[in-house]
């Protein structure tokens, strides 16, 4: 109860924060009726660690309408994105209400500004129309993963293309968390709420994941995935999401704990079941399971044709930005850019560079690196087999020893080239680059070196909710 509110409980402007019936109508679930105001711990759009531990048993099996039971949507033929018109329900024919009630406005200033503009246009349009309809669209493509692998920079390069409309939010986590819209690096791997869906009710591991739902609703969606050497990804993830009291000792401690918890789980359950059990990730400050890429990609490759999924490496993206972005544009069916358009996009500032205080920590301990290397090695082998591409063994990428990050920005010291030792490195043409160190210089920008290559840099993804997952 807030001071000065006259003893009355404040009501949130976000409609889903008000009453259990609202939640029931929205999610199709039955929640405890004795609650006069839905506690924050039961709100589906807050951090997962706040979810009520008995929500699964009380609510999930009461759901009736499911995504996979929905009939196919007839999309408009003149839109590249999957769009359709729908008649407005009676309550929505009040001018402006579809946007004033939209949940994006609860936590996105950009969306709030946009919807205020659309509110005014909507009021005029609905007054002129006798049978008002609403244009609805789902994403044409997904940058589905992974966190701390350059997804934000890739997203910015793609959305600067003249044929792509940039949404008000990059990461809405629509499929993985909030069911809003999409652009999120969590879509590929974050299925932690699988148990809340009726198709998965009572199971030890999910029968349906995000891949199934997206394939069902938008069978022609294009899926972009950018991956990074998983040991480097994990350390970058720790530095980015842990805001205070970071140390190499703490990182090592939580790596040991996380590896131990996962191995203990696998003594009783399958790797897939353990990866999708968010309890394995609770209480630790590293997201070890996110780097087990082959488990997540296998879900998508089972339901999507191979030509609708493009998997790239951050290391290659950093080495040759121009060639990689051209490959992405071609994959998305976008027109070829003029030289001026391309130069403007390629010279845009890098996203989410590493902060100096994180750089000053140096690199992880050698013992930590050895433990992670041994842990991820068999999973990298399965990933390379799954994709039929030896680059995903990351044999051409070797993390530095602690203290080797003191070279000037732009130096080729983050990855030690093995071109003289491993013939695959020569064949694949992967050069040695310093992803973290280059990004640590706030004055550094991705600049065009010549018509063939661009400087390497580290592009980090925007922060989403970490929650120890």
Protein backbone atom coordinates (compact mmCIF):
# COMPACT_ATOMS: atom_id res chain seq x y z
CA UNK A 1 0.00 0.00 0.00
CA UNK A 2 1.49 3.30 -1.09
CA UNK A 3 1.52 6.45 1.09
CA UNK A 4 -1.26 8.87 0.29
CA UNK A 5 -3.47 6.43 -1.59
CA UNK A 6 -6.26 6.67 0.97
CA UNK A 7 -5.95 3.05 2.02
CA UNK A 8 -6.78 1.79 -1.46
CA UNK A 9 -4.62 -0.66 -3.35
CA UNK A 10 -3.13 0.80 -6.50
CA UNK A 11 -4.28 -0.72 -9.78
CA UNK A 12 -1.69 -1.30 -12.49
CA UNK A 13 -2.30 0.20 -15.93
CA UNK A 14 -1.31 -3.17 -17.37
CA UNK A 15 -4.52 -5.21 -17.69
CA UNK A 16 -2.98 -8.60 -16.90
CA UNK A 17 -1.91 -7.39 -13.47
CA UNK A 18 -5.45 -6.91 -12.21
CA UNK A 19 -7.56 -9.98 -11.52
CA UNK A 20 -7.45 -13.76 -11.83
CA UNK A 21 -10.40 -13.76 -14.29
CA UNK A 22 -8.34 -11.59 -16.64
CA UNK A 23 -5.50 -14.07 -16.46
CA UNK A 24 -7.91 -16.94 -16.97
CA UNK A 25 -9.43 -15.34 -20.06
CA UNK A 26 -6.01 -14.55 -21.50
CA UNK A 27 -4.25 -17.85 -20.87
CA UNK A 28 -7.24 -20.17 -20.70
CA UNK A 29 -6.36 -21.31 -17.18
CA UNK A 30 -8.14 -21.53 -13.85
CA UNK A 31 -6.33 -19.77 -11.02
CA UNK A 32 -7.30 -19.55 -7.34
CA UNK A 33 -10.50 -17.53 -7.12
CA UNK A 34 -9.91 -16.41 -3.55
CA UNK A 35 -7.22 -13.97 -4.71
CA UNK A 36 -8.77 -10.51 -5.02
CA UNK A 37 -5.70 -9.14 -6.77
CA UNK A 38 -3.32 -11.34 -8.71
CA UNK A 39 0.01 -11.44 -6.82
CA UNK A 40 3.07 -10.43 -8.79
CA UNK A 41 4.48 -13.90 -8.17
CA UNK A 42 1.73 -15.36 -10.37
CA UNK A 43 2.03 -12.85 -13.18
CA UNK A 44 3.18 -14.67 -16.33
CA UNK A 45 5.17 -11.76 -17.74
CA UNK A 46 7.48 -11.19 -14.77
CA UNK A 47 10.76 -12.91 -14.08
CA UNK A 48 10.46 -16.66 -14.01
CA UNK A 49 11.97 -17.06 -10.59
CA UNK A 50 8.85 -15.35 -9.17
CA UNK A 51 6.45 -17.93 -10.55
CA UNK A 52 4.41 -19.70 -7.90
CA UNK A 53 5.86 -23.19 -7.38
CA UNK A 54 2.37 -24.76 -7.50
CA UNK A 55 1.20 -22.91 -10.60
CA UNK A 56 1.92 -26.00 -12.69
CA UNK A 57 -0.37 -28.26 -10.70
CA UNK A 58 -3.17 -25.72 -10.28
CA UNK A 59 -3.39 -24.16 -13.70
CA UNK A 60 -1.77 -25.83 -16.62
CA UNK A 61 -4.11 -28.75 -17.18
CA UNK A 62 -7.12 -26.43 -17.14
CA UNK A 63 -6.04 -24.77 -20.40
CA UNK A 64 -8.23 -25.55 -23.38
CA UNK A 65 -7.20 -23.52 -26.44
CA UNK A 66 -3.74 -24.44 -27.69
CA UNK A 67 -1.52 -23.12 -30.45
CA UNK A 68 -1.13 -26.47 -32.18
CA UNK A 69 -4.91 -26.95 -32.30
CA UNK A 70 -5.48 -23.65 -34.11
CA UNK A 71 -6.45 -23.92 -37.79
CA UNK A 72 -3.97 -22.51 -40.35
CA UNK A 73 -4.19 -18.78 -40.95
CA UNK A 74 -4.76 -17.61 -44.53
CA UNK A 75 -2.04 -15.01 -44.98
CA UNK A 76 -2.27 -12.11 -47.42
CA UNK A 77 -0.42 -12.91 -50.67
CA UNK A 78 0.94 -9.38 -51.20
CA UNK A 79 2.89 -9.28 -47.90
CA UNK A 80 6.28 -10.90 -47.40
CA UNK A 81 5.53 -11.15 -43.69
CA UNK A 82 2.70 -13.48 -42.61
CA UNK A 83 -0.13 -10.94 -42.29
CA UNK A 84 -3.91 -11.15 -42.29
CA UNK A 85 -6.98 -9.01 -41.65
CA UNK A 86 -9.31 -9.82 -38.81
CA UNK A 87 -12.67 -8.38 -37.87
CA UNK A 88 -12.62 -6.44 -34.65
CA UNK A 89 -14.51 -7.88 -31.69
CA UNK A 90 -17.29 -5.61 -30.49
CA UNK A 91 -15.28 -4.30 -27.54
CA UNK A 92 -12.40 -3.34 -29.81
CA UNK A 93 -14.55 -1.15 -32.05
CA UNK A 94 -14.25 1.64 -29.51
CA UNK A 95 -11.73 3.98 -31.19
CA UNK A 96 -8.19 3.58 -29.96
CA UNK A 97 -8.65 0.68 -27.56
CA UNK A 98 -6.49 -1.94 -29.35
CA UNK A 99 -3.42 0.21 -28.73
CA UNK A 100 -4.22 1.80 -25.40
CA UNK A 101 -4.69 -1.70 -23.94
CA UNK A 102 -1.68 -3.26 -25.65
CA UNK A 103 0.75 -4.86 -23.18
CA UNK A 104 3.80 -3.57 -25.02
CA UNK A 105 3.06 -0.18 -23.47
CA UNK A 106 3.67 -1.61 -20.00
CA UNK A 107 7.41 -1.97 -20.42
CA UNK A 108 8.54 -0.38 -23.69
CA UNK A 109 8.83 3.42 -24.05
CA UNK A 110 9.30 2.97 -27.80
CA UNK A 111 6.10 0.97 -28.07
CA UNK A 112 4.27 3.48 -25.89
CA UNK A 113 5.25 6.35 -28.20
CA UNK A 114 4.35 4.38 -31.31
CA UNK A 115 0.98 3.29 -29.97
CA UNK A 116 0.06 6.84 -29.00
CA UNK A 117 0.56 7.82 -32.63
CA UNK A 118 -1.40 4.79 -33.83
CA UNK A 119 -4.16 5.61 -31.35
CA UNK A 120 -4.87 8.90 -33.11
CA UNK A 121 -4.81 7.30 -36.57
CA UNK A 122 -6.98 4.44 -35.38
CA UNK A 123 -9.66 6.76 -34.06
CA UNK A 124 -10.00 8.44 -37.45
CA UNK A 125 -9.95 5.18 -39.43
CA UNK A 126 -12.58 3.40 -37.35
CA UNK A 127 -14.93 6.35 -37.55
CA UNK A 128 -14.76 6.26 -41.35
CA UNK A 129 -15.12 2.48 -41.72
CA UNK A 130 -18.47 0.70 -41.47
CA UNK A 131 -16.86 -2.70 -40.80
CA UNK A 132 -13.44 -1.98 -39.28
CA UNK A 133 -10.75 -4.62 -39.64
CA UNK A 134 -7.32 -4.88 -38.13
CA UNK A 135 -4.11 -5.86 -39.91
CA UNK A 136 -2.21 -8.47 -37.89
CA UNK A 137 1.28 -9.78 -38.65
CA UNK A 138 3.65 -12.38 -37.27
CA UNK A 139 7.42 -12.18 -37.78
CA UNK A 140 8.77 -13.09 -41.20
CA UNK A 141 12.10 -14.07 -39.68
CA UNK A 142 13.54 -14.84 -36.25
CA UNK A 143 17.04 -14.14 -34.99
CA UNK A 144 16.44 -17.02 -32.64
CA UNK A 145 19.78 -17.36 -30.85
CA UNK A 146 22.03 -17.27 -29.08
CA UNK A 147 22.65 -14.76 -26.25
CA UNK A 148 26.13 -13.24 -26.15
CA UNK A 149 26.85 -14.39 -29.69
CA UNK A 150 26.36 -11.12 -31.56
CA UNK A 151 22.61 -11.34 -32.11
CA UNK A 152 22.02 -7.66 -31.33
CA UNK A 153 24.53 -6.44 -33.88
CA UNK A 154 23.18 -8.87 -36.47
CA UNK A 155 19.65 -7.66 -35.69
CA UNK A 156 20.67 -4.04 -36.22
CA UNK A 157 22.37 -4.82 -39.51
CA UNK A 158 19.30 -6.68 -40.76
CA UNK A 159 16.76 -4.08 -39.63
CA UNK A 160 18.72 -1.29 -41.33
CA UNK A 161 17.96 -2.90 -44.69
CA UNK A 162 15.38 -0.73 -46.51
CA UNK A 163 13.01 -3.68 -47.01
CA UNK A 164 12.82 -4.56 -43.30
CA UNK A 165 10.48 -2.82 -40.86
CA UNK A 166 12.07 -2.42 -37.44
CA UNK A 167 9.71 -3.26 -34.55
CA UNK A 168 9.56 -1.04 -31.46
CA UNK A 169 11.28 -3.73 -29.37
CA UNK A 170 14.15 -6.01 -30.35
CA UNK A 171 13.54 -8.65 -27.71
CA UNK A 172 9.93 -9.21 -26.85
CA UNK A 173 10.46 -12.93 -26.04
CA UNK A 174 7.03 -13.67 -27.47
CA UNK A 175 7.51 -17.41 -27.91
CA UNK A 176 9.94 -18.13 -25.11
CA UNK A 177 8.37 -16.05 -22.34
CA UNK A 178 5.76 -13.42 -23.01
CA UNK A 179 3.91 -14.35 -26.21
CA UNK A 180 4.08 -10.80 -27.60
CA UNK A 181 6.10 -10.46 -30.79
CA UNK A 182 9.64 -11.48 -31.63
CA UNK A 183 13.26 -10.64 -32.28
CA UNK A 184 14.73 -12.47 -29.33
CA UNK A 185 17.89 -14.51 -28.90
CA UNK A 186 15.97 -16.64 -26.40
CA UNK A 187 13.62 -18.15 -29.00
CA UNK A 188 15.98 -20.98 -29.94
CA UNK A 189 16.68 -22.30 -26.46
CA UNK A 190 14.33 -20.85 -23.82
CA UNK A 191 11.50 -23.34 -23.38
CA UNK A 192 11.39 -23.11 -19.60
CA UNK A 193 7.63 -22.69 -19.53
CA UNK A 194 6.98 -25.83 -21.56
CA UNK A 195 5.24 -27.43 -18.56
CA UNK A 196 2.58 -24.71 -18.56
CA UNK A 197 1.30 -25.77 -21.98
CA UNK A 198 -1.40 -28.43 -22.10
CA UNK A 199 0.34 -30.42 -24.84
CA UNK A 200 3.19 -31.05 -22.40
CA UNK A 201 1.16 -31.54 -19.25
CA UNK A 202 2.51 -34.28 -16.97
CA UNK A 203 5.71 -34.92 -18.94
CA UNK A 204 9.33 -35.01 -17.77
CA UNK A 205 10.46 -33.17 -20.88
CA UNK A 206 8.59 -31.23 -23.57
CA UNK A 207 6.81 -32.87 -26.46
CA UNK A 208 6.41 -29.46 -28.10
CA UNK A 209 8.89 -26.58 -28.04
CA UNK A 210 9.00 -23.09 -29.55
CA UNK A 211 10.02 -24.62 -32.88
CA UNK A 212 6.77 -26.59 -33.14
CA UNK A 213 4.57 -23.59 -32.42
CA UNK A 214 6.35 -21.28 -34.87
CA UNK A 215 6.30 -23.95 -37.58
CA UNK A 216 2.58 -24.53 -37.02
CA UNK A 217 1.57 -20.87 -37.24
CA UNK A 218 4.14 -19.63 -39.78
CA UNK A 219 5.41 -22.63 -41.75
CA UNK A 220 7.53 -20.46 -44.06
CA UNK A 221 9.34 -18.50 -41.33
CA UNK A 222 13.05 -17.90 -41.78
CA UNK A 223 15.22 -18.70 -38.75
CA UNK A 224 18.61 -17.05 -38.19
CA UNK A 225 20.97 -18.47 -35.55
CA UNK A 226 24.35 -17.00 -34.64
CA UNK A 227 26.63 -19.09 -32.39
CA UNK A 228 29.90 -18.49 -30.58
CA UNK A 229 32.55 -20.77 -29.14
CA UNK A 230 30.59 -21.89 -26.06
CA UNK A 231 33.33 -21.37 -23.46
CA UNK A 232 33.82 -17.77 -24.56
CA UNK A 233 30.07 -17.30 -24.74
CA UNK A 234 29.64 -18.46 -21.15
CA UNK A 235 32.29 -16.10 -19.77
CA UNK A 236 30.87 -13.17 -21.73
CA UNK A 237 27.39 -14.07 -20.50
CA UNK A 238 28.58 -14.06 -16.88
CA UNK A 239 30.29 -10.68 -17.23
CA UNK A 240 27.27 -9.13 -18.93
CA UNK A 241 24.47 -10.32 -16.69
CA UNK A 242 26.17 -10.29 -13.28
CA UNK A 243 26.14 -6.63 -12.38
CA UNK A 244 28.13 -6.62 -9.12
CA UNK A 245 30.90 -8.49 -7.28
CA UNK A 246 32.14 -10.32 -10.35
CA UNK A 247 35.37 -12.27 -10.00
CA UNK A 248 37.24 -15.08 -11.69
CA UNK A 249 36.96 -17.10 -8.47
CA UNK A 250 33.18 -16.78 -8.41
CA UNK A 251 32.96 -17.67 -12.08
CA UNK A 252 35.02 -20.81 -11.48
CA UNK A 253 32.92 -21.77 -8.45
CA UNK A 254 29.65 -21.53 -10.37
CA UNK A 255 31.04 -23.34 -13.40
CA UNK A 256 32.02 -26.26 -11.16
CA UNK A 257 28.60 -26.21 -9.48
CA UNK A 258 26.72 -26.01 -12.77
CA UNK A 259 28.66 -28.87 -14.36
CA UNK A 260 28.10 -30.98 -11.25
CA UNK A 261 24.34 -30.32 -11.20
CA UNK A 262 23.95 -31.19 -14.86
CA UNK A 263 25.95 -34.40 -14.56
CA UNK A 264 23.93 -35.44 -11.49
CA UNK A 265 20.71 -34.85 -13.40
CA UNK A 266 21.92 -36.98 -16.31
CA UNK A 267 22.41 -39.94 -13.98
CA UNK A 268 18.61 -40.16 -13.81
CA UNK A 269 17.29 -38.34 -16.89
CA UNK A 270 18.25 -37.75 -20.50
CA UNK A 271 20.41 -34.81 -21.55
CA UNK A 272 17.38 -33.25 -23.23
CA UNK A 273 15.27 -33.52 -20.08
CA UNK A 274 18.04 -31.97 -17.99
CA UNK A 275 18.60 -29.12 -20.44
CA UNK A 276 14.90 -28.27 -20.31
CA UNK A 277 14.70 -28.51 -16.51
CA UNK A 278 15.15 -24.95 -15.27
CA UNK A 279 15.77 -26.23 -11.73
CA UNK A 280 19.20 -27.35 -12.94
CA UNK A 281 20.02 -23.71 -13.66
CA UNK A 282 18.68 -22.33 -10.40
CA UNK A 283 21.15 -21.13 -7.79
CA UNK A 284 24.04 -20.70 -10.23
CA UNK A 285 25.30 -17.58 -11.96
CA UNK A 286 26.34 -19.18 -15.23
CA UNK A 287 24.06 -20.47 -17.98
CA UNK A 288 25.98 -23.59 -18.87
CA UNK A 289 23.12 -25.26 -20.71
CA UNK A 290 22.77 -22.44 -23.25
CA UNK A 291 26.05 -23.56 -24.85
CA UNK A 292 24.77 -27.09 -25.54
CA UNK A 293 23.68 -25.88 -28.94
CA UNK A 294 22.97 -29.21 -30.62
CA UNK A 295 20.06 -30.03 -28.29
CA UNK A 296 18.20 -26.85 -29.23
CA UNK A 297 19.03 -26.86 -32.93
CA UNK A 298 17.88 -30.46 -33.25
CA UNK A 299 14.37 -29.34 -32.21
CA UNK A 300 14.24 -26.84 -35.07
CA UNK A 301 15.78 -29.10 -37.69
CA UNK A 302 13.17 -31.74 -36.93
CA UNK A 303 10.29 -29.46 -37.91
CA UNK A 304 11.75 -26.88 -40.33
CA UNK A 305 13.28 -27.58 -43.74
CA UNK A 306 17.04 -27.08 -43.69
CA UNK A 307 16.87 -24.23 -46.20
CA UNK A 308 14.75 -22.18 -43.78
CA UNK A 309 17.44 -22.18 -41.07
CA UNK A 310 20.74 -20.31 -41.42
CA UNK A 311 23.39 -20.96 -38.76
CA UNK A 312 26.46 -18.71 -38.68
CA UNK A 313 29.37 -18.25 -36.29
CA UNK A 314 30.16 -15.00 -34.50
CA UNK A 315 33.83 -15.59 -35.30
CA UNK A 316 33.09 -15.58 -39.05
CA UNK A 317 30.70 -12.65 -38.73
CA UNK A 318 33.43 -10.66 -36.99
CA UNK A 319 36.09 -11.62 -39.51
CA UNK A 320 34.12 -10.75 -42.62
CA UNK A 321 31.11 -8.62 -41.85
CA UNK A 322 30.29 -7.69 -45.43
CA UNK A 323 30.25 -11.22 -46.79
CA UNK A 324 28.21 -12.53 -43.86
CA UNK A 325 25.56 -9.79 -43.98
CA UNK A 326 25.19 -10.33 -47.72
CA UNK A 327 24.63 -14.01 -47.03
CA UNK A 328 21.98 -13.13 -44.43
CA UNK A 329 20.19 -10.69 -46.75
CA UNK A 330 20.14 -13.31 -49.49
CA UNK A 331 18.77 -15.90 -47.06
CA UNK A 332 15.94 -13.51 -46.17
CA UNK A 333 15.13 -12.78 -49.81
CA UNK A 334 16.08 -9.10 -49.52
CA UNK A 335 17.32 -7.08 -52.47
CA UNK A 336 20.99 -6.39 -53.02
CA UNK A 337 22.06 -3.09 -51.48
CA UNK A 338 23.79 -0.29 -53.31
CA UNK A 339 27.38 0.41 -52.29
CA UNK A 340 26.28 3.53 -50.40
CA UNK A 341 23.55 1.67 -48.50
CA UNK A 342 25.87 -1.18 -47.64
CA UNK A 343 28.68 1.10 -46.45
CA UNK A 344 26.29 2.99 -44.19
CA UNK A 345 25.08 -0.21 -42.54
CA UNK A 346 28.52 -1.75 -42.15
CA UNK A 347 29.96 1.38 -40.57
CA UNK A 348 27.24 1.66 -37.93
CA UNK A 349 28.44 1.45 -34.28
CA UNK A 350 28.92 -1.98 -32.77
CA UNK A 351 26.36 -3.19 -30.28
CA UNK A 352 26.90 -3.80 -26.56
CA UNK A 353 30.68 -3.56 -26.29
CA UNK A 354 32.31 -5.01 -23.20
CA UNK A 355 32.79 -2.54 -20.37
CA UNK A 356 36.26 -1.60 -19.20
CA UNK A 357 35.71 -2.87 -15.65
CA UNK A 358 34.85 -6.29 -17.08
CA UNK A 359 37.87 -6.20 -19.34
CA UNK A 360 40.06 -5.48 -16.33
CA UNK A 361 39.10 -8.84 -14.79
CA UNK A 362 41.15 -10.55 -17.46
CA UNK A 363 40.27 -13.99 -18.77
CA UNK A 364 39.01 -16.98 -16.82
CA UNK A 365 41.42 -19.24 -14.94
CA UNK A 366 43.11 -21.96 -16.94
CA UNK A 367 41.49 -24.59 -14.71
CA UNK A 368 38.07 -23.12 -15.48
CA UNK A 369 38.82 -23.03 -19.18
CA UNK A 370 40.02 -26.63 -19.16
CA UNK A 371 36.89 -27.79 -17.34
CA UNK A 372 34.61 -26.00 -19.81
CA UNK A 373 36.60 -27.16 -22.82
CA UNK A 374 36.29 -30.78 -21.73
CA UNK A 375 32.60 -30.33 -20.95
CA UNK A 376 31.65 -28.71 -24.25
CA UNK A 377 33.91 -30.77 -26.54
CA UNK A 378 31.51 -33.73 -27.05
CA UNK A 379 28.60 -31.34 -27.52
CA UNK A 380 30.53 -29.38 -30.16
CA UNK A 381 31.22 -32.66 -31.95
CA UNK A 382 27.50 -33.45 -32.00
CA UNK A 383 26.76 -29.95 -33.27
CA UNK A 384 29.30 -30.28 -36.10
CA UNK A 385 27.78 -33.65 -37.05
CA UNK A 386 24.26 -32.22 -36.91
CA UNK A 387 25.14 -29.33 -39.22
CA UNK A 388 27.65 -31.24 -41.33
CA UNK A 389 30.17 -28.45 -40.79
CA UNK A 390 33.54 -28.92 -38.99
CA UNK A 391 33.79 -25.19 -38.25
CA UNK A 392 31.43 -25.77 -35.33
CA UNK A 393 34.15 -27.77 -33.60
CA UNK A 394 35.81 -24.36 -33.10
CA UNK A 395 39.25 -25.93 -33.49
CA UNK A 396 40.39 -22.67 -35.09
CA UNK A 397 39.42 -20.67 -32.00
CA UNK A 398 41.54 -20.86 -28.86
CA UNK A 399 40.79 -18.64 -25.88
CA UNK A 400 43.73 -16.73 -24.40
CA UNK A 401 45.38 -17.47 -21.10
CA UNK A 402 44.65 -15.04 -18.29
CA UNK A 403 46.49 -11.79 -18.75
CA UNK A 404 46.67 -11.92 -22.53
CA UNK A 405 43.92 -9.34 -22.96
CA UNK A 406 46.20 -6.38 -22.39
CA UNK A 407 46.95 -5.82 -26.06
CA UNK A 408 45.57 -2.72 -27.79
CA UNK A 409 42.11 -2.81 -29.28
CA UNK A 410 42.08 -4.41 -32.68
CA UNK A 411 45.01 -6.72 -32.00
CA UNK A 412 44.63 -10.28 -33.21
CA UNK A 413 45.05 -11.89 -29.84
CA UNK A 414 41.70 -13.18 -28.65
CA UNK A 415 41.80 -16.26 -30.83
CA UNK A 416 45.13 -17.85 -31.55
CA UNK A 417 45.21 -18.90 -35.16
CA UNK A 418 45.87 -22.57 -35.68
CA UNK A 419 46.23 -22.24 -39.42
CA UNK A 420 49.73 -23.66 -39.21
CA UNK A 421 48.64 -26.62 -37.09
CA UNK A 422 45.11 -27.55 -38.10
CA UNK A 423 44.54 -27.98 -41.86
CA UNK A 424 40.83 -27.24 -41.37
CA UNK A 425 41.65 -23.70 -40.32
CA UNK A 426 43.49 -23.11 -43.60
CA UNK A 427 40.72 -24.67 -45.64
CA UNK A 428 37.99 -22.66 -43.95
CA UNK A 429 39.98 -19.43 -44.02
CA UNK A 430 39.26 -18.43 -40.43
CA UNK A 431 41.67 -15.75 -39.24
CA UNK A 432 42.74 -14.93 -35.71
CA UNK A 433 40.76 -12.05 -34.20
CA UNK A 434 40.22 -10.39 -30.86
CA UNK A 435 36.48 -10.31 -30.32
CA UNK A 436 36.34 -9.18 -26.70
CA UNK A 437 39.33 -6.85 -26.76
CA UNK A 438 38.27 -4.92 -29.84
CA UNK A 439 34.79 -4.46 -28.41
CA UNK A 440 36.24 -3.17 -25.14
CA UNK A 441 37.39 0.04 -26.85
CA UNK A 442 34.36 2.38 -26.75
CA UNK A 443 35.81 4.42 -29.61
CA UNK A 444 36.09 1.47 -31.95
CA UNK A 445 33.66 1.16 -34.83
CA UNK A 446 33.18 -1.51 -37.43
CA UNK A 447 34.84 0.07 -40.46
CA UNK A 448 35.29 -1.26 -43.96
CA UNK A 449 38.88 -2.33 -44.58
CA UNK A 450 38.49 -3.09 -48.28
CA UNK A 451 35.94 -4.57 -50.63
CA UNK A 452 36.41 -8.07 -49.23
CA UNK A 453 36.85 -7.98 -45.48
CA UNK A 454 35.98 -5.98 -42.39
CA UNK A 455 37.70 -5.71 -39.03
CA UNK A 456 36.76 -8.27 -36.42
CA UNK A 457 34.75 -7.10 -33.42
CA UNK A 458 32.60 -8.47 -30.69
CA UNK A 459 28.91 -7.71 -30.88
CA UNK A 460 26.92 -8.38 -27.77
CA UNK A 461 23.21 -8.86 -27.38
CA UNK A 462 20.85 -6.67 -25.44
CA UNK A 463 20.16 -7.68 -21.87
CA UNK A 464 17.08 -9.72 -21.24
CA UNK A 465 15.98 -11.23 -17.94
CA UNK A 466 18.75 -13.45 -16.66
CA UNK A 467 17.16 -15.11 -13.66
CA UNK A 468 19.96 -17.65 -13.39
CA UNK A 469 18.55 -19.67 -16.26
